[in-house]
Amino acid sequence: MPQYLVAIHHPDDYDPFVKEDEAMSRDIDVLNEEMIAAGVRVFAGGLQPVSRAKSLRGQPDGSALITDGPYIETKEYIGGFWVLEAADLDEALAGGRKAAVACRARVKVRPFH
């Protein structure tokens, strides 16, 4: 069965201690339980704050430059994700819609190769 990434996007200034309350945590827990019961969830995880990120950029000499932060030219970053097994994109999008509601955030759904 095809697999899809459901990625939660947070704005650059997102503070989980301010934005994530008990109701949101409960909604995410319910969604996780629903996905597990349906047999579509392969893996899920929330990520540490973007301030803990490291970025690596390959160099012509074969080394990698490591910098603090997510420094890709964007004002958003991935705050968490699910990997789902779904029959098709429509089924994956249904999970993505539920994730957007539960996480109160923008969500991107992309198929794996």
N, C-alpha and C. Protein backbone atom coordinates (compact mmCIF):
# COMPACT_ATOMS: atom_id res chain seq x y z
N MET A 1 0.85 -1.18 0.00
CA MET A 1 0.00 0.00 0.00
C MET A 1 0.90 1.24 0.00
N PRO A 2 0.55 2.27 -0.77
CA PRO A 2 1.36 3.49 -0.82
C PRO A 2 1.46 4.16 0.56
N GLN A 3 2.58 4.84 0.79
CA GLN A 3 2.78 5.59 2.03
C GLN A 3 2.82 7.08 1.72
N TYR A 4 2.34 7.87 2.69
CA TYR A 4 2.25 9.32 2.54
C TYR A 4 2.79 10.00 3.79
N LEU A 5 3.47 11.11 3.60
CA LEU A 5 3.91 11.95 4.69
C LEU A 5 2.84 13.00 4.92
N VAL A 6 2.39 13.13 6.16
CA VAL A 6 1.48 14.20 6.57
C VAL A 6 2.29 15.07 7.52
N ALA A 7 2.74 16.23 7.03
CA ALA A 7 3.65 17.11 7.78
C ALA A 7 2.90 18.32 8.31
N ILE A 8 3.11 18.61 9.59
CA ILE A 8 2.51 19.77 10.23
C ILE A 8 3.49 20.94 10.11
N HIS A 9 3.03 22.08 9.62
CA HIS A 9 3.88 23.25 9.45
C HIS A 9 3.55 24.30 10.50
N HIS A 10 4.59 24.80 11.17
CA HIS A 10 4.43 25.85 12.16
C HIS A 10 5.13 27.11 11.67
N PRO A 11 4.62 28.28 12.06
CA PRO A 11 5.33 29.51 11.71
C PRO A 11 6.65 29.59 12.48
N ASP A 12 7.56 30.39 11.99
CA ASP A 12 8.89 30.50 12.57
C ASP A 12 8.87 30.86 14.05
N ASP A 13 7.89 31.64 14.49
CA ASP A 13 7.84 32.08 15.89
C ASP A 13 6.92 31.21 16.75
N TYR A 14 6.63 30.00 16.31
CA TYR A 14 5.70 29.11 17.03
C TYR A 14 6.26 28.73 18.40
N ASP A 15 5.47 28.88 19.43
CA ASP A 15 5.86 28.49 20.79
C ASP A 15 4.86 27.44 21.28
N PRO A 16 5.27 26.16 21.35
CA PRO A 16 4.33 25.11 21.75
C PRO A 16 3.79 25.30 23.16
N PHE A 17 4.54 25.95 24.03
CA PHE A 17 4.08 26.16 25.40
C PHE A 17 2.94 27.17 25.46
N VAL A 18 2.81 28.00 24.46
CA VAL A 18 1.74 28.98 24.39
C VAL A 18 0.57 28.45 23.55
N LYS A 19 0.89 27.82 22.43
CA LYS A 19 -0.13 27.42 21.45
C LYS A 19 -0.81 26.09 21.76
N GLU A 20 -0.10 25.16 22.40
CA GLU A 20 -0.62 23.81 22.57
C GLU A 20 -1.23 23.63 23.96
N ASP A 21 -2.56 23.60 24.00
CA ASP A 21 -3.26 23.44 25.26
C ASP A 21 -3.76 22.00 25.41
N GLU A 22 -4.46 21.73 26.52
CA GLU A 22 -4.96 20.38 26.78
C GLU A 22 -5.93 19.91 25.70
N ALA A 23 -6.78 20.79 25.21
CA ALA A 23 -7.75 20.41 24.18
C ALA A 23 -7.04 19.97 22.91
N MET A 24 -6.00 20.69 22.53
CA MET A 24 -5.24 20.32 21.33
C MET A 24 -4.54 18.98 21.53
N SER A 25 -3.91 18.79 22.66
CA SER A 25 -3.25 17.51 22.95
C SER A 25 -4.24 16.36 22.91
N ARG A 26 -5.42 16.58 23.46
CA ARG A 26 -6.47 15.55 23.46
C ARG A 26 -6.91 15.25 22.03
N ASP A 27 -7.09 16.28 21.21
CA ASP A 27 -7.50 16.07 19.82
C ASP A 27 -6.45 15.28 19.05
N ILE A 28 -5.18 15.56 19.29
CA ILE A 28 -4.11 14.82 18.62
C ILE A 28 -4.08 13.38 19.10
N ASP A 29 -4.26 13.16 20.41
CA ASP A 29 -4.31 11.79 20.94
C ASP A 29 -5.45 10.99 20.32
N VAL A 30 -6.62 11.62 20.20
CA VAL A 30 -7.78 10.96 19.60
C VAL A 30 -7.48 10.61 18.14
N LEU A 31 -6.88 11.54 17.41
CA LEU A 31 -6.54 11.28 16.02
C LEU A 31 -5.54 10.13 15.91
N ASN A 32 -4.52 10.11 16.77
CA ASN A 32 -3.56 9.00 16.75
C ASN A 32 -4.24 7.67 17.02
N GLU A 33 -5.12 7.62 17.99
CA GLU A 33 -5.85 6.38 18.30
C GLU A 33 -6.70 5.94 17.12
N GLU A 34 -7.35 6.90 16.46
CA GLU A 34 -8.18 6.60 15.29
C GLU A 34 -7.33 6.03 14.15
N MET A 35 -6.18 6.64 13.91
CA MET A 35 -5.30 6.17 12.83
C MET A 35 -4.74 4.78 13.12
N ILE A 36 -4.39 4.53 14.37
CA ILE A 36 -3.90 3.20 14.76
C ILE A 36 -5.00 2.16 14.59
N ALA A 37 -6.20 2.48 15.06
CA ALA A 37 -7.33 1.54 14.95
C ALA A 37 -7.66 1.24 13.50
N ALA A 38 -7.51 2.23 12.62
CA ALA A 38 -7.79 2.04 11.19
C ALA A 38 -6.65 1.32 10.47
N GLY A 39 -5.51 1.18 11.15
CA GLY A 39 -4.37 0.50 10.55
C GLY A 39 -3.64 1.31 9.50
N VAL A 40 -3.78 2.64 9.54
CA VAL A 40 -3.13 3.48 8.52
C VAL A 40 -1.85 4.15 9.03
N ARG A 41 -1.70 4.26 10.34
CA ARG A 41 -0.53 4.95 10.87
C ARG A 41 0.67 4.03 10.91
N VAL A 42 1.74 4.43 10.22
CA VAL A 42 2.99 3.69 10.25
C VAL A 42 3.87 4.24 11.36
N PHE A 43 3.96 5.56 11.44
CA PHE A 43 4.82 6.21 12.41
C PHE A 43 4.36 7.65 12.55
N ALA A 44 4.54 8.21 13.74
CA ALA A 44 4.22 9.62 13.96
C ALA A 44 5.21 10.18 14.96
N GLY A 45 5.44 11.48 14.88
CA GLY A 45 6.32 12.11 15.85
C GLY A 45 6.25 13.61 15.82
N GLY A 46 6.38 14.19 16.99
CA GLY A 46 6.51 15.64 17.10
C GLY A 46 7.99 15.96 17.19
N LEU A 47 8.36 17.12 16.75
CA LEU A 47 9.77 17.51 16.74
C LEU A 47 10.05 18.55 17.82
N GLN A 48 11.27 18.55 18.32
CA GLN A 48 11.72 19.55 19.29
C GLN A 48 11.64 20.93 18.64
N PRO A 49 11.69 21.99 19.43
CA PRO A 49 11.63 23.34 18.86
C PRO A 49 12.71 23.56 17.80
N VAL A 50 12.42 24.43 16.85
CA VAL A 50 13.32 24.70 15.74
C VAL A 50 14.67 25.23 16.23
N SER A 51 14.70 25.80 17.40
CA SER A 51 15.97 26.31 17.95
C SER A 51 16.96 25.18 18.23
N ARG A 52 16.48 23.93 18.28
CA ARG A 52 17.35 22.78 18.53
C ARG A 52 17.81 22.11 17.23
N ALA A 53 17.38 22.63 16.10
CA ALA A 53 17.71 22.03 14.80
C ALA A 53 19.14 22.33 14.38
N LYS A 54 19.69 21.45 13.59
CA LYS A 54 20.98 21.65 12.93
C LYS A 54 20.75 21.42 11.44
N SER A 55 21.40 22.22 10.62
CA SER A 55 21.30 22.06 9.17
C SER A 55 22.67 21.69 8.62
N LEU A 56 22.68 20.76 7.68
CA LEU A 56 23.92 20.33 7.05
C LEU A 56 23.84 20.63 5.57
N ARG A 57 24.93 21.18 5.03
CA ARG A 57 24.98 21.51 3.62
C ARG A 57 26.26 20.91 3.04
N GLY A 58 26.09 20.04 2.04
CA GLY A 58 27.24 19.41 1.41
C GLY A 58 28.14 20.44 0.74
N GLN A 59 29.44 20.24 0.85
CA GLN A 59 30.44 21.14 0.28
C GLN A 59 31.14 20.45 -0.89
N PRO A 60 31.69 21.22 -1.82
CA PRO A 60 32.36 20.63 -2.99
C PRO A 60 33.51 19.67 -2.63
N ASP A 61 34.14 19.89 -1.47
CA ASP A 61 35.26 19.03 -1.08
C ASP A 61 34.82 17.74 -0.41
N GLY A 62 33.50 17.51 -0.34
CA GLY A 62 32.98 16.28 0.26
C GLY A 62 32.67 16.41 1.74
N SER A 63 32.98 17.54 2.35
CA SER A 63 32.64 17.75 3.75
C SER A 63 31.21 18.30 3.84
N ALA A 64 30.76 18.50 5.06
CA ALA A 64 29.43 19.08 5.28
C ALA A 64 29.56 20.24 6.26
N LEU A 65 28.97 21.36 5.91
CA LEU A 65 28.93 22.53 6.78
C LEU A 65 27.71 22.38 7.69
N ILE A 66 27.93 22.44 9.00
CA ILE A 66 26.85 22.30 9.97
C ILE A 66 26.58 23.67 10.60
N THR A 67 25.31 24.09 10.57
CA THR A 67 24.92 25.36 11.18
C THR A 67 23.76 25.14 12.12
N ASP A 68 23.60 26.04 13.08
CA ASP A 68 22.47 25.98 13.99
C ASP A 68 21.21 26.42 13.27
N GLY A 69 20.10 25.80 13.63
CA GLY A 69 18.81 26.21 13.10
C GLY A 69 18.43 25.53 11.80
N PRO A 70 17.23 25.78 11.36
CA PRO A 70 16.70 25.11 10.17
C PRO A 70 17.04 25.85 8.89
N TYR A 71 17.91 26.78 8.89
CA TYR A 71 18.18 27.77 7.87
C TYR A 71 17.99 27.33 6.44
N ILE A 72 16.75 27.06 6.11
CA ILE A 72 16.34 26.95 4.73
C ILE A 72 15.48 28.18 4.51
N GLU A 73 15.47 28.72 3.36
CA GLU A 73 14.80 30.01 3.11
C GLU A 73 13.28 29.87 3.24
N THR A 74 12.79 29.88 4.48
CA THR A 74 11.36 29.75 4.72
C THR A 74 11.00 30.41 6.05
N LYS A 75 9.75 30.73 6.23
CA LYS A 75 9.28 31.28 7.48
C LYS A 75 8.45 30.25 8.24
N GLU A 76 8.46 29.01 7.77
CA GLU A 76 7.76 27.91 8.43
C GLU A 76 8.73 26.74 8.56
N TYR A 77 8.38 25.83 9.43
CA TYR A 77 9.16 24.61 9.57
C TYR A 77 8.23 23.47 9.96
N ILE A 78 8.72 22.25 9.81
CA ILE A 78 7.92 21.07 10.16
C ILE A 78 8.00 20.87 11.67
N GLY A 79 6.85 20.85 12.31
CA GLY A 79 6.78 20.69 13.76
C GLY A 79 6.49 19.26 14.18
N GLY A 80 5.99 18.45 13.26
CA GLY A 80 5.67 17.06 13.54
C GLY A 80 5.14 16.43 12.28
N PHE A 81 4.92 15.12 12.34
CA PHE A 81 4.49 14.42 11.13
C PHE A 81 3.89 13.07 11.45
N TRP A 82 3.20 12.54 10.46
CA TRP A 82 2.72 11.16 10.44
C TRP A 82 3.20 10.53 9.15
N VAL A 83 3.48 9.25 9.17
CA VAL A 83 3.65 8.46 7.96
C VAL A 83 2.46 7.52 7.94
N LEU A 84 1.65 7.63 6.88
CA LEU A 84 0.42 6.83 6.77
C LEU A 84 0.51 5.88 5.59
N GLU A 85 -0.12 4.75 5.73
CA GLU A 85 -0.36 3.86 4.60
C GLU A 85 -1.81 4.07 4.19
N ALA A 86 -2.02 4.43 2.95
CA ALA A 86 -3.36 4.73 2.48
C ALA A 86 -3.55 4.14 1.08
N ALA A 87 -4.77 3.81 0.75
CA ALA A 87 -5.07 3.22 -0.55
C ALA A 87 -4.74 4.17 -1.69
N ASP A 88 -4.94 5.48 -1.44
CA ASP A 88 -4.71 6.46 -2.50
C ASP A 88 -4.58 7.85 -1.87
N LEU A 89 -4.34 8.84 -2.71
CA LEU A 89 -4.15 10.21 -2.22
C LEU A 89 -5.39 10.72 -1.51
N ASP A 90 -6.57 10.40 -1.99
CA ASP A 90 -7.80 10.88 -1.34
C ASP A 90 -7.89 10.39 0.10
N GLU A 91 -7.52 9.15 0.33
CA GLU A 91 -7.55 8.61 1.70
C GLU A 91 -6.49 9.31 2.56
N ALA A 92 -5.32 9.56 1.99
CA ALA A 92 -4.27 10.27 2.73
C ALA A 92 -4.70 11.70 3.04
N LEU A 93 -5.37 12.36 2.09
CA LEU A 93 -5.86 13.72 2.32
C LEU A 93 -6.90 13.76 3.43
N ALA A 94 -7.70 12.71 3.55
CA ALA A 94 -8.68 12.65 4.64
C ALA A 94 -7.95 12.67 5.99
N GLY A 95 -6.86 11.93 6.09
CA GLY A 95 -6.04 11.97 7.30
C GLY A 95 -5.40 13.33 7.49
N GLY A 96 -4.96 13.94 6.41
CA GLY A 96 -4.37 15.26 6.48
C GLY A 96 -5.34 16.32 6.96
N ARG A 97 -6.60 16.23 6.51
CA ARG A 97 -7.62 17.18 6.97
C ARG A 97 -7.81 17.06 8.48
N LYS A 98 -7.88 15.82 8.97
CA LYS A 98 -8.05 15.61 10.41
C LYS A 98 -6.84 16.13 11.18
N ALA A 99 -5.64 15.97 10.62
CA ALA A 99 -4.43 16.46 11.27
C ALA A 99 -4.44 17.99 11.33
N ALA A 100 -4.87 18.64 10.26
CA ALA A 100 -4.92 20.11 10.24
C ALA A 100 -5.86 20.63 11.32
N VAL A 101 -6.98 19.95 11.52
CA VAL A 101 -7.95 20.36 12.54
C VAL A 101 -7.39 20.10 13.93
N ALA A 102 -6.87 18.89 14.16
CA ALA A 102 -6.37 18.53 15.49
C ALA A 102 -5.18 19.39 15.89
N CYS A 103 -4.28 19.68 14.95
CA CYS A 103 -3.05 20.43 15.25
C CYS A 103 -3.22 21.93 15.12
N ARG A 104 -4.37 22.35 14.57
CA ARG A 104 -4.63 23.78 14.36
C ARG A 104 -3.48 24.42 13.59
N ALA A 105 -3.09 23.74 12.51
CA ALA A 105 -1.93 24.18 11.74
C ALA A 105 -2.08 23.79 10.28
N ARG A 106 -1.23 24.38 9.45
CA ARG A 106 -1.17 23.98 8.04
C ARG A 106 -0.53 22.61 7.95
N VAL A 107 -1.03 21.82 7.03
CA VAL A 107 -0.54 20.45 6.85
C VAL A 107 -0.25 20.21 5.37
N LYS A 108 0.82 19.50 5.10
CA LYS A 108 1.16 19.10 3.73
C LYS A 108 1.10 17.58 3.66
N VAL A 109 0.50 17.05 2.59
CA VAL A 109 0.45 15.61 2.35
C VAL A 109 1.24 15.33 1.08
N ARG A 110 2.23 14.42 1.19
CA ARG A 110 3.06 14.07 0.03
C ARG A 110 3.29 12.57 -0.01
N PRO A 111 3.18 11.99 -1.21
CA PRO A 111 3.45 10.56 -1.33
C PRO A 111 4.95 10.29 -1.31
N PHE A 112 5.32 9.12 -0.80
CA PHE A 112 6.70 8.65 -0.89
C PHE A 112 6.88 8.02 -2.27
N HIS A 113 8.13 7.95 -2.73
CA HIS A 113 8.44 7.26 -3.99
C HIS A 113 8.22 5.77 -3.80
